[in-house]
């Protein structure tokens, strides 16, 4: 069995990761809002949000680099 993924499979995996990352970011924003309403310290929650957003940026960049690697395959 081959462990090599084709380009479409890789892009599909990255798209799933991006969607999950966006969900985590949205959930973290809701959590921080709730924590503020409850007058709780949001320092660590905000740091986690920053980290989640950075990971998401890297996934978007990775996806773009795959698309740019072979632009004639976009269609």
PDB file of N, CA and C in Angstrom:
ATOM      1  N   UNK A   1       0.833  -1.176   0.000  1.00  0.00           N
ATOM      2  CA  UNK A   1       0.000   0.000   0.000  1.00  0.00           C
ATOM      3  C   UNK A   1       0.883   1.247   0.000  1.00  0.00           C
ATOM      4  N   UNK A   2       0.587   2.178  -0.883  1.00  0.00           N
ATOM      5  CA  UNK A   2       1.370   3.397  -1.005  1.00  0.00           C
ATOM      6  C   UNK A   2       0.964   4.412   0.057  1.00  0.00           C
ATOM      7  N   UNK A   3       1.954   5.055   0.665  1.00  0.00           N
ATOM      8  CA  UNK A   3       1.705   6.090   1.661  1.00  0.00           C
ATOM      9  C   UNK A   3       1.722   7.481   1.029  1.00  0.00           C
ATOM     10  N   UNK A   4       1.891   7.552  -0.276  1.00  0.00           N
ATOM     11  CA  UNK A   4       1.951   8.822  -0.967  1.00  0.00           C
ATOM     12  C   UNK A   4       0.539   9.354  -1.203  1.00  0.00           C
ATOM     13  N   UNK A   5       0.333  10.604  -0.818  1.00  0.00           N
ATOM     14  CA  UNK A   5      -0.950  11.251  -1.053  1.00  0.00           C
ATOM     15  C   UNK A   5      -0.866  12.068  -2.322  1.00  0.00           C
ATOM     16  N   UNK A   6      -1.940  12.090  -3.089  1.00  0.00           N
ATOM     17  CA  UNK A   6      -1.925  12.950  -4.260  1.00  0.00           C
ATOM     18  C   UNK A   6      -2.283  14.377  -3.845  1.00  0.00           C
ATOM     19  N   UNK A   7      -2.122  15.280  -4.768  1.00  0.00           N
ATOM     20  CA  UNK A   7      -2.315  16.701  -4.483  1.00  0.00           C
ATOM     21  C   UNK A   7      -3.724  16.988  -3.974  1.00  0.00           C
ATOM     22  N   UNK A   8      -4.725  16.388  -4.581  1.00  0.00           N
ATOM     23  CA  UNK A   8      -6.114  16.605  -4.153  1.00  0.00           C
ATOM     24  C   UNK A   8      -6.337  16.119  -2.725  1.00  0.00           C
ATOM     25  N   UNK A   9      -5.759  14.988  -2.376  1.00  0.00           N
ATOM     26  CA  UNK A   9      -5.899  14.465  -1.017  1.00  0.00           C
ATOM     27  C   UNK A   9      -5.215  15.387  -0.008  1.00  0.00           C
ATOM     28  N   UNK A  10      -4.053  15.892  -0.374  1.00  0.00           N
ATOM     29  CA  UNK A  10      -3.328  16.807   0.516  1.00  0.00           C
ATOM     30  C   UNK A  10      -4.134  18.080   0.719  1.00  0.00           C
ATOM     31  N   UNK A  11      -4.659  18.638  -0.380  1.00  0.00           N
ATOM     32  CA  UNK A  11      -5.465  19.852  -0.262  1.00  0.00           C
ATOM     33  C   UNK A  11      -6.735  19.603   0.554  1.00  0.00           C
ATOM     34  N   UNK A  12      -7.343  18.458   0.378  1.00  0.00           N
ATOM     35  CA  UNK A  12      -8.541  18.131   1.149  1.00  0.00           C
ATOM     36  C   UNK A  12      -8.212  18.058   2.642  1.00  0.00           C
ATOM     37  N   UNK A  13      -7.075  17.455   2.978  1.00  0.00           N
ATOM     38  CA  UNK A  13      -6.651  17.360   4.381  1.00  0.00           C
ATOM     39  C   UNK A  13      -6.388  18.747   4.948  1.00  0.00           C
ATOM     40  N   UNK A  14      -5.701  19.577   4.198  1.00  0.00           N
ATOM     41  CA  UNK A  14      -5.414  20.935   4.668  1.00  0.00           C
ATOM     42  C   UNK A  14      -6.712  21.715   4.837  1.00  0.00           C
ATOM     43  N   UNK A  15      -7.642  21.562   3.903  1.00  0.00           N
ATOM     44  CA  UNK A  15      -8.931  22.244   4.018  1.00  0.00           C
ATOM     45  C   UNK A  15      -9.675  21.813   5.280  1.00  0.00           C
ATOM     46  N   UNK A  16      -9.619  20.528   5.601  1.00  0.00           N
ATOM     47  CA  UNK A  16     -10.246  20.054   6.841  1.00  0.00           C
ATOM     48  C   UNK A  16      -9.549  20.650   8.061  1.00  0.00           C
ATOM     49  N   UNK A  17      -8.215  20.688   8.024  1.00  0.00           N
ATOM     50  CA  UNK A  17      -7.458  21.273   9.129  1.00  0.00           C
ATOM     51  C   UNK A  17      -7.787  22.758   9.293  1.00  0.00           C
ATOM     52  N   UNK A  18      -7.895  23.468   8.176  1.00  0.00           N
ATOM     53  CA  UNK A  18      -8.228  24.893   8.223  1.00  0.00           C
ATOM     54  C   UNK A  18      -9.623  25.084   8.810  1.00  0.00           C
ATOM     55  N   UNK A  19     -10.576  24.303   8.371  1.00  0.00           N
ATOM     56  CA  UNK A  19     -11.944  24.416   8.895  1.00  0.00           C
ATOM     57  C   UNK A  19     -11.966  24.144  10.402  1.00  0.00           C
ATOM     58  N   UNK A  20     -11.243  23.129  10.824  1.00  0.00           N
ATOM     59  CA  UNK A  20     -11.183  22.812  12.252  1.00  0.00           C
ATOM     60  C   UNK A  20     -10.490  23.938  13.013  1.00  0.00           C
ATOM     61  N   UNK A  21      -9.427  24.468  12.446  1.00  0.00           N
ATOM     62  CA  UNK A  21      -8.724  25.587  13.079  1.00  0.00           C
ATOM     63  C   UNK A  21      -9.610  26.812  13.214  1.00  0.00           C
ATOM     64  N   UNK A  22     -10.383  27.100  12.178  1.00  0.00           N
ATOM     65  CA  UNK A  22     -11.309  28.237  12.234  1.00  0.00           C
ATOM     66  C   UNK A  22     -12.372  28.016  13.305  1.00  0.00           C
ATOM     67  N   UNK A  23     -12.809  26.772  13.450  1.00  0.00           N
ATOM     68  CA  UNK A  23     -13.790  26.447  14.500  1.00  0.00           C
ATOM     69  C   UNK A  23     -13.190  26.669  15.886  1.00  0.00           C
ATOM     70  N   UNK A  24     -11.934  26.240  16.068  1.00  0.00           N
ATOM     71  CA  UNK A  24     -11.264  26.430  17.360  1.00  0.00           C
ATOM     72  C   UNK A  24     -11.102  27.920  17.670  1.00  0.00           C
ATOM     73  N   UNK A  25     -10.725  28.707  16.668  1.00  0.00           N
ATOM     74  CA  UNK A  25     -10.566  30.149  16.867  1.00  0.00           C
ATOM     75  C   UNK A  25     -11.902  30.758  17.287  1.00  0.00           C
ATOM     76  N   UNK A  26     -12.967  30.411  16.582  1.00  0.00           N
ATOM     77  CA  UNK A  26     -14.288  30.962  16.907  1.00  0.00           C
ATOM     78  C   UNK A  26     -14.704  30.572  18.327  1.00  0.00           C
ATOM     79  N   UNK A  27     -14.470  29.324  18.693  1.00  0.00           N
ATOM     80  CA  UNK A  27     -14.827  28.870  20.039  1.00  0.00           C
ATOM     81  C   UNK A  27     -14.010  29.597  21.106  1.00  0.00           C
ATOM     82  N   UNK A  28     -12.747  29.841  20.805  1.00  0.00           N
ATOM     83  CA  UNK A  28     -11.884  30.530  21.763  1.00  0.00           C
ATOM     84  C   UNK A  28     -12.335  31.978  21.945  1.00  0.00           C
ATOM     85  N   UNK A  29     -12.759  32.610  20.875  1.00  0.00           N
ATOM     86  CA  UNK A  29     -13.260  33.983  20.964  1.00  0.00           C
ATOM     87  C   UNK A  29     -14.507  34.035  21.845  1.00  0.00           C
ATOM     88  N   UNK A  30     -15.402  33.082  21.660  1.00  0.00           N
ATOM     89  CA  UNK A  30     -16.608  33.008  22.493  1.00  0.00           C
ATOM     90  C   UNK A  30     -16.224  32.791  23.950  1.00  0.00           C
ATOM     91  N   UNK A  31     -15.274  31.915  24.190  1.00  0.00           N
ATOM     92  CA  UNK A  31     -14.832  31.644  25.555  1.00  0.00           C
ATOM     93  C   UNK A  31     -14.245  32.890  26.205  1.00  0.00           C
ATOM     94  N   UNK A  32     -13.411  33.616  25.479  1.00  0.00           N
ATOM     95  CA  UNK A  32     -12.803  34.833  26.018  1.00  0.00           C
ATOM     96  C   UNK A  32     -13.888  35.866  26.336  1.00  0.00           C
ATOM     97  N   UNK A  33     -14.863  35.998  25.463  1.00  0.00           N
ATOM     98  CA  UNK A  33     -15.973  36.930  25.723  1.00  0.00           C
ATOM     99  C   UNK A  33     -16.687  36.552  27.011  1.00  0.00           C
ATOM    100  N   UNK A  34     -16.983  35.260  27.172  1.00  0.00           N
ATOM    101  CA  UNK A  34     -17.643  34.796  28.384  1.00  0.00           C
ATOM    102  C   UNK A  34     -16.773  35.062  29.619  1.00  0.00           C
ATOM    103  N   UNK A  35     -15.481  34.780  29.500  1.00  0.00           N
ATOM    104  CA  UNK A  35     -14.568  34.992  30.627  1.00  0.00           C
ATOM    105  C   UNK A  35     -14.547  36.464  31.042  1.00  0.00           C
ATOM    106  N   UNK A  36     -14.552  37.352  30.057  1.00  0.00           N
ATOM    107  CA  UNK A  36     -14.588  38.792  30.367  1.00  0.00           C
ATOM    108  C   UNK A  36     -15.878  39.155  31.091  1.00  0.00           C
ATOM    109  N   UNK A  37     -16.987  38.617  30.600  1.00  0.00           N
ATOM    110  CA  UNK A  37     -18.283  38.892  31.245  1.00  0.00           C
ATOM    111  C   UNK A  37     -18.298  38.405  32.692  1.00  0.00           C
ATOM    112  N   UNK A  38     -17.557  37.338  32.957  1.00  0.00           N
ATOM    113  CA  UNK A  38     -17.476  36.776  34.302  1.00  0.00           C
ATOM    114  C   UNK A  38     -16.327  37.387  35.117  1.00  0.00           C
ATOM    115  N   UNK A  39     -15.674  38.400  34.548  1.00  0.00           N
ATOM    116  CA  UNK A  39     -14.541  39.083  35.198  1.00  0.00           C
ATOM    117  C   UNK A  39     -13.399  38.118  35.535  1.00  0.00           C
ATOM    118  N   UNK A  40     -13.143  37.182  34.636  1.00  0.00           N
ATOM    119  CA  UNK A  40     -12.051  36.221  34.806  1.00  0.00           C
ATOM    120  C   UNK A  40     -10.822  36.687  34.029  1.00  0.00           C
ATOM    121  N   UNK A  41      -9.673  36.243  34.461  1.00  0.00           N
ATOM    122  CA  UNK A  41      -8.422  36.570  33.784  1.00  0.00           C
ATOM    123  C   UNK A  41      -8.374  35.844  32.436  1.00  0.00           C
ATOM    124  N   UNK A  42      -8.194  36.599  31.376  1.00  0.00           N
ATOM    125  CA  UNK A  42      -8.175  36.023  30.028  1.00  0.00           C
ATOM    126  C   UNK A  42      -6.777  35.942  29.436  1.00  0.00           C
ATOM    127  N   UNK A  43      -5.766  36.191  30.218  1.00  0.00           N
ATOM    128  CA  UNK A  43      -4.394  36.235  29.701  1.00  0.00           C
ATOM    129  C   UNK A  43      -4.020  34.967  28.943  1.00  0.00           C
ATOM    130  N   UNK A  44      -4.170  33.830  29.579  1.00  0.00           N
ATOM    131  CA  UNK A  44      -3.786  32.571  28.934  1.00  0.00           C
ATOM    132  C   UNK A  44      -4.714  32.241  27.764  1.00  0.00           C
ATOM    133  N   UNK A  45      -5.993  32.529  27.920  1.00  0.00           N
ATOM    134  CA  UNK A  45      -6.945  32.274  26.836  1.00  0.00           C
ATOM    135  C   UNK A  45      -6.593  33.122  25.609  1.00  0.00           C
ATOM    136  N   UNK A  46      -6.158  34.350  25.828  1.00  0.00           N
ATOM    137  CA  UNK A  46      -5.767  35.217  24.718  1.00  0.00           C
ATOM    138  C   UNK A  46      -4.480  34.726  24.061  1.00  0.00           C
ATOM    139  N   UNK A  47      -3.546  34.215  24.875  1.00  0.00           N
ATOM    140  CA  UNK A  47      -2.319  33.654  24.311  1.00  0.00           C
ATOM    141  C   UNK A  47      -2.627  32.437  23.452  1.00  0.00           C
ATOM    142  N   UNK A  48      -3.532  31.596  23.934  1.00  0.00           N
ATOM    143  CA  UNK A  48      -3.937  30.426  23.154  1.00  0.00           C
ATOM    144  C   UNK A  48      -4.590  30.871  21.852  1.00  0.00           C
ATOM    145  N   UNK A  49      -5.450  31.882  21.898  1.00  0.00           N
ATOM    146  CA  UNK A  49      -6.082  32.398  20.695  1.00  0.00           C
ATOM    147  C   UNK A  49      -5.027  32.875  19.703  1.00  0.00           C
ATOM    148  N   UNK A  50      -4.042  33.574  20.174  1.00  0.00           N
ATOM    149  CA  UNK A  50      -2.954  34.040  19.307  1.00  0.00           C
ATOM    150  C   UNK A  50      -2.246  32.860  18.653  1.00  0.00           C
ATOM    151  N   UNK A  51      -1.960  31.827  19.435  1.00  0.00           N
ATOM    152  CA  UNK A  51      -1.298  30.635  18.891  1.00  0.00           C
ATOM    153  C   UNK A  51      -2.169  29.944  17.854  1.00  0.00           C
ATOM    154  N   UNK A  52      -3.462  29.818  18.139  1.00  0.00           N
ATOM    155  CA  UNK A  52      -4.382  29.194  17.189  1.00  0.00           C
ATOM    156  C   UNK A  52      -4.425  29.981  15.879  1.00  0.00           C
ATOM    157  N   UNK A  53      -4.453  31.304  15.983  1.00  0.00           N
ATOM    158  CA  UNK A  53      -4.485  32.137  14.784  1.00  0.00           C
ATOM    159  C   UNK A  53      -3.191  32.010  13.977  1.00  0.00           C
ATOM    160  N   UNK A  54      -2.063  31.884  14.655  1.00  0.00           N
ATOM    161  CA  UNK A  54      -0.790  31.700  13.960  1.00  0.00           C
ATOM    162  C   UNK A  54      -0.747  30.363  13.228  1.00  0.00           C
ATOM    163  N   UNK A  55      -1.216  29.314  13.866  1.00  0.00           N
ATOM    164  CA  UNK A  55      -1.261  28.001  13.220  1.00  0.00           C
ATOM    165  C   UNK A  55      -2.146  28.065  11.985  1.00  0.00           C
ATOM    166  N   UNK A  56      -3.281  28.724  12.119  1.00  0.00           N
ATOM    167  CA  UNK A  56      -4.207  28.871  11.005  1.00  0.00           C
ATOM    168  C   UNK A  56      -3.550  29.627   9.849  1.00  0.00           C
ATOM    169  N   UNK A  57      -2.804  30.667  10.149  1.00  0.00           N
ATOM    170  CA  UNK A  57      -2.075  31.404   9.109  1.00  0.00           C
ATOM    171  C   UNK A  57      -1.077  30.492   8.394  1.00  0.00           C
ATOM    172  N   UNK A  58      -0.388  29.652   9.146  1.00  0.00           N
ATOM    173  CA  UNK A  58       0.584  28.727   8.544  1.00  0.00           C
ATOM    174  C   UNK A  58      -0.116  27.713   7.643  1.00  0.00           C
ATOM    175  N   UNK A  59      -1.269  27.222   8.069  1.00  0.00           N
ATOM    176  CA  UNK A  59      -2.008  26.274   7.225  1.00  0.00           C
ATOM    177  C   UNK A  59      -2.455  26.926   5.924  1.00  0.00           C
ATOM    178  N   UNK A  60      -2.919  28.182   6.027  1.00  0.00           N
ATOM    179  CA  UNK A  60      -3.319  28.906   4.809  1.00  0.00           C
ATOM    180  C   UNK A  60      -2.112  29.092   3.880  1.00  0.00           C
ATOM    181  N   UNK A  61      -0.970  29.451   4.457  1.00  0.00           N
ATOM    182  CA  UNK A  61       0.242  29.637   3.660  1.00  0.00           C
ATOM    183  C   UNK A  61       0.686  28.320   3.027  1.00  0.00           C
ATOM    184  N   UNK A  62       0.585  27.235   3.774  1.00  0.00           N
ATOM    185  CA  UNK A  62       0.959  25.923   3.261  1.00  0.00           C
ATOM    186  C   UNK A  62       0.057  25.533   2.090  1.00  0.00           C
ATOM    187  N   UNK A  63      -1.239  25.770   2.253  1.00  0.00           N
ATOM    188  CA  UNK A  63      -2.192  25.476   1.180  1.00  0.00           C
ATOM    189  C   UNK A  63      -1.855  26.291  -0.067  1.00  0.00           C
ATOM    190  N   UNK A  64      -1.558  27.569   0.129  1.00  0.00           N
ATOM    191  CA  UNK A  64      -1.228  28.425  -1.006  1.00  0.00           C
ATOM    192  C   UNK A  64       0.049  27.949  -1.697  1.00  0.00           C
ATOM    193  N   UNK A  65       1.034  27.518  -0.931  1.00  0.00           N
ATOM    194  CA  UNK A  65       2.284  27.050  -1.539  1.00  0.00           C
ATOM    195  C   UNK A  65       2.058  25.786  -2.370  1.00  0.00           C
ATOM    196  N   UNK A  66       1.145  24.939  -1.937  1.00  0.00           N
ATOM    197  CA  UNK A  66       0.817  23.745  -2.720  1.00  0.00           C
ATOM    198  C   UNK A  66       0.144  24.151  -4.022  1.00  0.00           C
ATOM    199  N   UNK A  67      -0.783  25.103  -3.940  1.00  0.00           N
ATOM    200  CA  UNK A  67      -1.457  25.570  -5.150  1.00  0.00           C
ATOM    201  C   UNK A  67      -0.470  26.209  -6.135  1.00  0.00           C
ATOM    202  N   UNK A  68       0.473  26.958  -5.608  1.00  0.00           N
ATOM    203  CA  UNK A  68       1.445  27.655  -6.455  1.00  0.00           C
ATOM    204  C   UNK A  68       2.504  26.715  -7.023  1.00  0.00           C
ATOM    205  N   UNK A  69       2.685  25.573  -6.414  1.00  0.00           N
ATOM    206  CA  UNK A  69       3.722  24.632  -6.849  1.00  0.00           C
ATOM    207  C   UNK A  69       3.428  24.086  -8.245  1.00  0.00           C
ATOM    208  N   UNK A  70       2.158  23.985  -8.590  1.00  0.00           N
ATOM    209  CA  UNK A  70       1.787  23.436  -9.891  1.00  0.00           C
ATOM    210  C   UNK A  70       0.486  24.115 -10.334  1.00  0.00           C
ATOM    211  N   UNK A  71       0.558  25.389 -10.735  1.00  0.00           N
ATOM    212  CA  UNK A  71      -0.666  26.155 -11.022  1.00  0.00           C
ATOM    213  C   UNK A  71      -1.518  25.594 -12.144  1.00  0.00           C
ATOM    214  N   UNK A  72      -0.962  24.856 -13.086  1.00  0.00           N
ATOM    215  CA  UNK A  72      -1.777  24.336 -14.176  1.00  0.00           C
ATOM    216  C   UNK A  72      -2.754  23.267 -13.703  1.00  0.00           C
ATOM    217  N   UNK A  73      -2.564  22.731 -12.508  1.00  0.00           N
ATOM    218  CA  UNK A  73      -3.469  21.711 -11.968  1.00  0.00           C
ATOM    219  C   UNK A  73      -4.656  22.294 -11.221  1.00  0.00           C
ATOM    220  N   UNK A  74      -4.799  23.593 -11.151  1.00  0.00           N
ATOM    221  CA  UNK A  74      -5.848  24.221 -10.363  1.00  0.00           C
ATOM    222  C   UNK A  74      -7.252  23.868 -10.818  1.00  0.00           C
ATOM    223  N   UNK A  75      -7.429  23.666 -12.089  1.00  0.00           N
ATOM    224  CA  UNK A  75      -8.774  23.432 -12.610  1.00  0.00           C
ATOM    225  C   UNK A  75      -9.352  22.106 -12.163  1.00  0.00           C
TER     226      UNK A  75
END
